[in-house]
Amino acid sequence: MVNVGAKPPRARTAVAEGEFVAAKGTIDRLLGVAGSEPLPKGEAIAVARVAGISASKMTGQLIPLCHPLPLEHASVDFDRVAEERLRVRASASIEAKTGVEMEALSAVAVACLTLYDMAKAVDKNLRIENIHLIKKTKSDTVSQPH
């Protein structure tokens, strides 16, 4: 791992997103649109949200040489951006010596993979696309010890 011991702790945030692509009817089922059948595995959005947040908390275990971080906040949100496309957006924040972009990216990737797993029985043409970092920030002020 990279030695971050000499760096001062700062407030840091990261936002990542990706897209889950499926047939319109599959997206309807994922979102529980009125009149659409439920998915065989249940409520995909809720499961994917929890999976993404859990992945963000486990990033240091999943990715070799990534620092394990005690996140202060993580969230995963879903927006339908087209009839056949969901945007998955995750954010993570912490006060630490290193950033949280890997945690936000991990959350998006695992949330998308969970949607894939939840929908694969009803749609054989699922895709995950465009997972990328939207932004990362760190405060200019150094945190003071408590």
Protein backbone atom coordinates (compact mmCIF):
# COMPACT_ATOMS: atom_id res chain seq x y z
CA MET A 1 0.00 0.00 0.00
CA VAL A 2 1.04 3.59 -0.45
CA ASN A 3 2.25 5.17 2.79
CA VAL A 4 -0.19 7.98 3.67
CA GLY A 5 1.08 8.30 7.25
CA ALA A 6 2.55 11.77 6.77
CA LYS A 7 -0.55 13.18 5.07
CA PRO A 8 -2.99 15.20 7.18
CA PRO A 9 -6.58 13.99 7.50
CA ARG A 10 -9.06 16.00 5.42
CA ALA A 11 -12.77 15.80 4.68
CA ARG A 12 -13.06 13.85 1.42
CA THR A 13 -15.96 12.88 -0.81
CA ALA A 14 -16.34 11.00 -4.08
CA VAL A 15 -19.22 10.41 -6.47
CA ALA A 16 -19.28 7.70 -9.14
CA GLU A 17 -21.90 6.49 -11.55
CA GLY A 18 -22.64 3.82 -14.10
CA GLU A 19 -25.53 2.62 -16.22
CA PHE A 20 -27.59 -0.54 -16.16
CA VAL A 21 -29.16 -1.31 -19.55
CA ALA A 22 -32.07 -3.71 -20.06
CA ALA A 23 -35.34 -4.03 -21.97
CA LYS A 24 -38.00 -1.47 -21.06
CA GLY A 25 -40.13 -4.17 -19.45
CA THR A 26 -37.21 -5.31 -17.32
CA ILE A 27 -36.54 -1.76 -16.11
CA ASP A 28 -40.26 -1.45 -15.34
CA ARG A 29 -40.06 -4.63 -13.25
CA LEU A 30 -36.90 -3.45 -11.46
CA LEU A 31 -38.63 -0.21 -10.53
CA GLY A 32 -41.94 -1.84 -9.61
CA VAL A 33 -43.89 0.16 -12.19
CA ALA A 34 -47.65 -0.36 -11.77
CA GLY A 35 -48.86 -3.23 -13.93
CA SER A 36 -45.46 -4.90 -14.27
CA GLU A 37 -44.79 -8.32 -12.81
CA PRO A 38 -42.49 -8.55 -9.80
CA LEU A 39 -39.06 -10.08 -10.35
CA PRO A 40 -38.60 -13.70 -9.21
CA LYS A 41 -35.87 -12.68 -6.75
CA GLY A 42 -37.83 -9.78 -5.25
CA GLU A 43 -37.20 -6.07 -4.81
CA ALA A 44 -34.06 -5.47 -6.86
CA ILE A 45 -33.54 -1.79 -6.14
CA ALA A 46 -33.54 -2.22 -2.36
CA VAL A 47 -31.21 -5.22 -2.58
CA ALA A 48 -28.86 -3.42 -5.00
CA ARG A 49 -28.74 -0.34 -2.74
CA VAL A 50 -27.72 -2.43 0.27
CA ALA A 51 -25.22 -4.42 -1.82
CA GLY A 52 -23.60 -1.23 -3.12
CA ILE A 53 -23.31 0.34 0.31
CA SER A 54 -21.90 -2.92 1.71
CA ALA A 55 -19.34 -3.05 -1.12
CA SER A 56 -18.23 0.51 -0.41
CA LYS A 57 -17.55 -0.50 3.19
CA MET A 58 -15.58 -3.59 2.07
CA THR A 59 -13.47 -1.98 -0.67
CA GLY A 60 -10.21 -2.44 1.24
CA GLN A 61 -10.92 -6.18 1.37
CA LEU A 62 -11.97 -6.45 -2.28
CA ILE A 63 -9.18 -4.50 -3.99
CA PRO A 64 -5.57 -5.41 -3.22
CA LEU A 65 -3.47 -2.53 -1.87
CA CYS A 66 -6.53 -0.33 -1.28
CA HIS A 67 -6.57 1.18 2.21
CA PRO A 68 -9.41 -0.08 4.44
CA LEU A 69 -11.42 2.99 5.42
CA PRO A 70 -14.09 3.55 8.08
CA LEU A 71 -16.61 5.42 5.92
CA GLU A 72 -18.70 8.10 7.53
CA HIS A 73 -21.33 8.06 4.78
CA ALA A 74 -22.21 6.01 1.71
CA SER A 75 -25.28 6.15 -0.51
CA VAL A 76 -26.51 4.55 -3.73
CA ASP A 77 -29.31 6.02 -5.85
CA PHE A 78 -31.07 4.93 -9.03
CA ASP A 79 -32.60 7.13 -11.74
CA ARG A 80 -34.31 6.07 -14.91
CA VAL A 81 -32.59 8.13 -17.62
CA ALA A 82 -34.23 6.38 -20.61
CA GLU A 83 -36.81 3.66 -21.16
CA GLU A 84 -34.07 1.02 -21.22
CA ARG A 85 -31.49 2.61 -18.94
CA LEU A 86 -30.97 3.20 -15.21
CA ARG A 87 -28.26 5.47 -13.87
CA VAL A 88 -26.67 4.14 -10.69
CA ARG A 89 -24.93 6.85 -8.65
CA ALA A 90 -22.97 6.33 -5.43
CA SER A 91 -21.29 8.71 -3.05
CA ALA A 92 -18.92 8.15 -0.16
CA SER A 93 -17.41 10.49 2.40
CA ILE A 94 -14.85 10.33 5.17
CA GLU A 95 -12.36 12.38 7.12
CA ALA A 96 -9.08 10.62 6.36
CA LYS A 97 -5.59 10.75 4.87
CA THR A 98 -6.67 9.15 1.59
CA GLY A 99 -9.59 9.53 -0.80
CA VAL A 100 -12.75 7.49 -1.20
CA GLU A 101 -13.09 7.24 -4.97
CA MET A 102 -12.53 3.47 -4.94
CA GLU A 103 -15.34 3.11 -2.40
CA ALA A 104 -17.77 5.06 -4.62
CA LEU A 105 -16.73 3.10 -7.72
CA SER A 106 -17.06 -0.22 -5.87
CA ALA A 107 -20.55 0.74 -4.73
CA VAL A 108 -21.67 1.45 -8.31
CA ALA A 109 -20.10 -1.73 -9.70
CA VAL A 110 -21.63 -4.03 -7.09
CA ALA A 111 -25.04 -2.32 -7.25
CA CYS A 112 -25.04 -2.85 -11.03
CA LEU A 113 -23.93 -6.46 -10.66
CA THR A 114 -26.72 -7.01 -8.17
CA LEU A 115 -29.30 -5.60 -10.59
CA TYR A 116 -27.87 -7.95 -13.21
CA ASP A 117 -28.23 -10.93 -10.88
CA MET A 118 -31.77 -9.96 -9.92
CA ALA A 119 -32.90 -9.53 -13.56
CA LYS A 120 -30.94 -12.20 -15.47
CA ALA A 121 -33.79 -14.71 -15.25
CA VAL A 122 -36.14 -12.42 -17.20
CA ASP A 123 -33.75 -10.68 -19.62
CA LYS A 124 -30.79 -12.26 -21.43
CA ASN A 125 -29.51 -8.97 -22.91
CA LEU A 126 -28.48 -7.03 -19.79
CA ARG A 127 -25.51 -4.68 -19.89
CA ILE A 128 -23.48 -2.63 -17.43
CA GLU A 129 -21.86 0.44 -18.96
CA ASN A 130 -19.88 3.58 -18.26
CA ILE A 131 -18.80 3.09 -14.66
CA HIS A 132 -16.71 6.14 -13.88
CA LEU A 133 -15.79 8.71 -11.26
CA ILE A 134 -17.87 11.90 -11.46
CA LYS A 135 -15.99 13.91 -8.87
CA LYS A 136 -13.79 13.74 -5.84
CA THR A 137 -13.11 16.51 -3.40
CA LYS A 138 -11.02 17.16 -0.33
CA SER A 139 -11.18 20.10 2.02
CA ASP A 140 -8.37 22.61 2.11
CA THR A 141 -8.37 22.61 5.87
CA VAL A 142 -6.48 20.05 7.87
CA SER A 143 -8.51 18.30 10.54
CA GLN A 144 -7.44 18.92 14.11
CA PRO A 145 -6.97 15.98 16.49
CA HIS A 146 -9.84 15.47 18.91
